[in-house]
Amino acid sequence: VQLQAFGGGLVQAGGSLRLSCLCVACGRTFSSTSRGWFRQAPGKEREFVAAINWGTGRAAYADSVKGRFTISRDGAENTVYLQMNSLKPDDTAVYYCGEKRGHSAQAMNILGPNNIDYWGQGTQVTVSS
């Protein structure tokens, strides 16, 4: 499994960005797989942002992004998207795409970053005030 993350950048507070996580040469993604995003700000631990289960489409979000971020998936493109609206300076971080097999989106949140099966490279998101 090779995950590639795209879409980071510099944006002003209140602005929007969309991140993409493409699974390259992955073949079929099993319905029990969940894929999502974590982020890591300087000096802080990596934290859960959002995830979605491939089969059910059920999503899970961190409280800090609920109502502002929306995660979705495109089976044909084997891609997960994270639409980020109303961005705040506190959202500034490197965002990492991850995959966990055989677990729900909420389980990705509960299990945390140390239990992710596959990681993509990070993409920097910087929100200026």
Protein backbone atom coordinates (compact mmCIF):
# COMPACT_ATOMS: atom_id res chain seq x y z
CA VAL A 1 0.00 0.00 0.00
CA GLN A 2 1.35 3.37 -1.00
CA LEU A 3 -0.55 6.45 0.08
CA GLN A 4 0.13 9.83 -1.47
CA ALA A 5 -1.17 13.02 0.10
CA PHE A 6 -1.82 16.24 -1.81
CA GLY A 7 -3.41 19.60 -1.33
CA GLY A 8 -1.67 21.36 1.51
CA GLY A 9 -0.74 25.01 1.34
CA LEU A 10 -0.92 28.43 2.91
CA VAL A 11 -4.30 29.98 3.56
CA GLN A 12 -5.69 32.81 5.63
CA ALA A 13 -7.88 32.17 8.64
CA GLY A 14 -11.43 31.48 7.54
CA GLY A 15 -10.29 30.02 4.25
CA SER A 16 -10.59 26.52 2.82
CA LEU A 17 -8.36 23.74 1.54
CA ARG A 18 -9.01 20.26 0.25
CA LEU A 19 -6.59 17.45 0.93
CA SER A 20 -6.46 14.29 -1.16
CA CYS A 21 -5.08 10.89 -0.24
CA LEU A 22 -4.54 8.62 -3.21
CA CYS A 23 -3.79 4.94 -2.83
CA VAL A 24 -1.30 4.10 -5.55
CA ALA A 25 -1.11 0.60 -6.97
CA CYS A 26 -3.38 -0.60 -4.18
CA GLY A 27 -5.79 -2.66 -6.19
CA ARG A 28 -9.11 -3.21 -4.50
CA THR A 29 -9.66 -1.57 -1.13
CA PHE A 30 -11.47 -3.91 1.22
CA SER A 31 -14.73 -2.72 2.72
CA SER A 32 -13.40 -3.22 6.24
CA THR A 33 -10.60 -0.73 5.67
CA SER A 34 -10.71 2.76 7.11
CA ARG A 35 -8.62 5.60 5.81
CA GLY A 36 -8.19 9.02 7.28
CA TRP A 37 -6.08 11.91 8.42
CA PHE A 38 -3.93 12.71 11.40
CA ARG A 39 -1.98 15.89 11.95
CA GLN A 40 1.12 16.93 13.82
CA ALA A 41 1.97 20.47 14.82
CA PRO A 42 5.52 21.47 15.84
CA GLY A 43 6.31 20.20 19.31
CA LYS A 44 3.08 18.25 19.58
CA GLU A 45 2.08 14.64 19.20
CA ARG A 46 0.34 13.36 16.11
CA GLU A 47 -3.42 13.56 16.61
CA PHE A 48 -6.49 12.17 14.91
CA VAL A 49 -8.44 14.48 12.60
CA ALA A 50 -10.97 12.42 10.63
CA ALA A 51 -11.44 9.01 9.07
CA ILE A 52 -13.94 7.15 6.92
CA ASN A 53 -14.75 3.48 6.55
CA TRP A 54 -14.46 2.33 2.96
CA GLY A 55 -17.43 -0.01 3.00
CA THR A 56 -20.01 1.83 5.10
CA GLY A 57 -18.95 5.40 4.42
CA ARG A 58 -19.33 6.08 8.13
CA ALA A 59 -17.03 8.86 9.27
CA ALA A 60 -15.48 9.94 12.54
CA TYR A 61 -14.14 13.37 13.44
CA ALA A 62 -12.09 14.95 16.17
CA ASP A 63 -14.16 17.37 18.24
CA SER A 64 -11.88 20.22 17.18
CA VAL A 65 -12.86 19.89 13.52
CA LYS A 66 -16.51 18.83 13.70
CA GLY A 67 -18.70 21.09 11.62
CA ARG A 68 -15.72 22.50 9.72
CA PHE A 69 -14.08 19.48 8.07
CA THR A 70 -15.74 16.86 5.90
CA ILE A 71 -14.15 13.58 4.86
CA SER A 72 -15.32 11.63 1.82
CA ARG A 73 -14.16 8.81 -0.41
CA ASP A 74 -14.19 8.05 -4.11
CA GLY A 75 -14.02 4.35 -4.81
CA ALA A 76 -13.33 4.74 -8.50
CA GLU A 77 -10.34 6.98 -7.81
CA ASN A 78 -9.30 5.07 -4.65
CA THR A 79 -8.99 8.47 -3.00
CA VAL A 80 -10.05 9.99 0.30
CA TYR A 81 -10.69 13.71 0.49
CA LEU A 82 -10.66 16.07 3.44
CA GLN A 83 -12.52 19.31 2.81
CA MET A 84 -11.37 21.84 5.39
CA ASN A 85 -13.46 24.99 5.82
CA SER A 86 -13.31 27.85 8.30
CA LEU A 87 -9.66 27.13 8.90
CA LYS A 88 -8.03 28.48 12.04
CA PRO A 89 -4.37 29.10 12.90
CA ASP A 90 -4.63 26.15 15.31
CA ASP A 91 -5.18 23.90 12.29
CA THR A 92 -1.61 24.56 11.19
CA ALA A 93 0.21 21.24 11.06
CA VAL A 94 1.60 18.56 8.81
CA TYR A 95 -1.32 16.38 7.78
CA TYR A 96 -0.74 12.66 7.29
CA CYS A 97 -2.96 10.18 5.52
CA GLY A 98 -3.22 6.78 7.16
CA GLU A 99 -4.95 3.45 6.67
CA LYS A 100 -6.15 0.90 9.20
CA ARG A 101 -7.39 -2.45 7.99
CA GLY A 102 -10.28 -4.29 9.58
CA HIS A 103 -11.41 -1.42 11.76
CA SER A 104 -13.99 1.35 11.75
CA ALA A 105 -13.30 5.02 11.36
CA GLN A 106 -13.98 5.60 15.04
CA ALA A 107 -11.52 2.83 15.86
CA MET A 108 -8.80 4.79 14.07
CA ASN A 109 -9.51 7.59 16.52
CA ILE A 110 -9.55 5.34 19.56
CA LEU A 111 -6.51 3.26 18.61
CA GLY A 112 -4.44 6.34 17.76
CA PRO A 113 -1.50 6.95 15.47
CA ASN A 114 0.68 4.16 16.86
CA ASN A 115 -1.70 1.54 15.50
CA ILE A 116 -2.04 2.70 11.90
CA ASP A 117 -1.07 0.10 9.32
CA TYR A 118 0.11 2.40 6.54
CA TRP A 119 1.12 6.04 6.32
CA GLY A 120 1.50 8.42 3.43
CA GLN A 121 3.90 11.32 3.37
CA GLY A 122 2.74 14.47 5.08
CA THR A 123 1.43 17.63 3.50
CA GLN A 124 1.89 20.98 5.20
CA VAL A 125 -1.14 23.11 6.02
CA THR A 126 -0.42 26.62 7.27
CA VAL A 127 -3.19 28.95 8.36
CA SER A 128 -2.23 32.57 8.88
CA SER A 129 -4.10 34.86 11.23
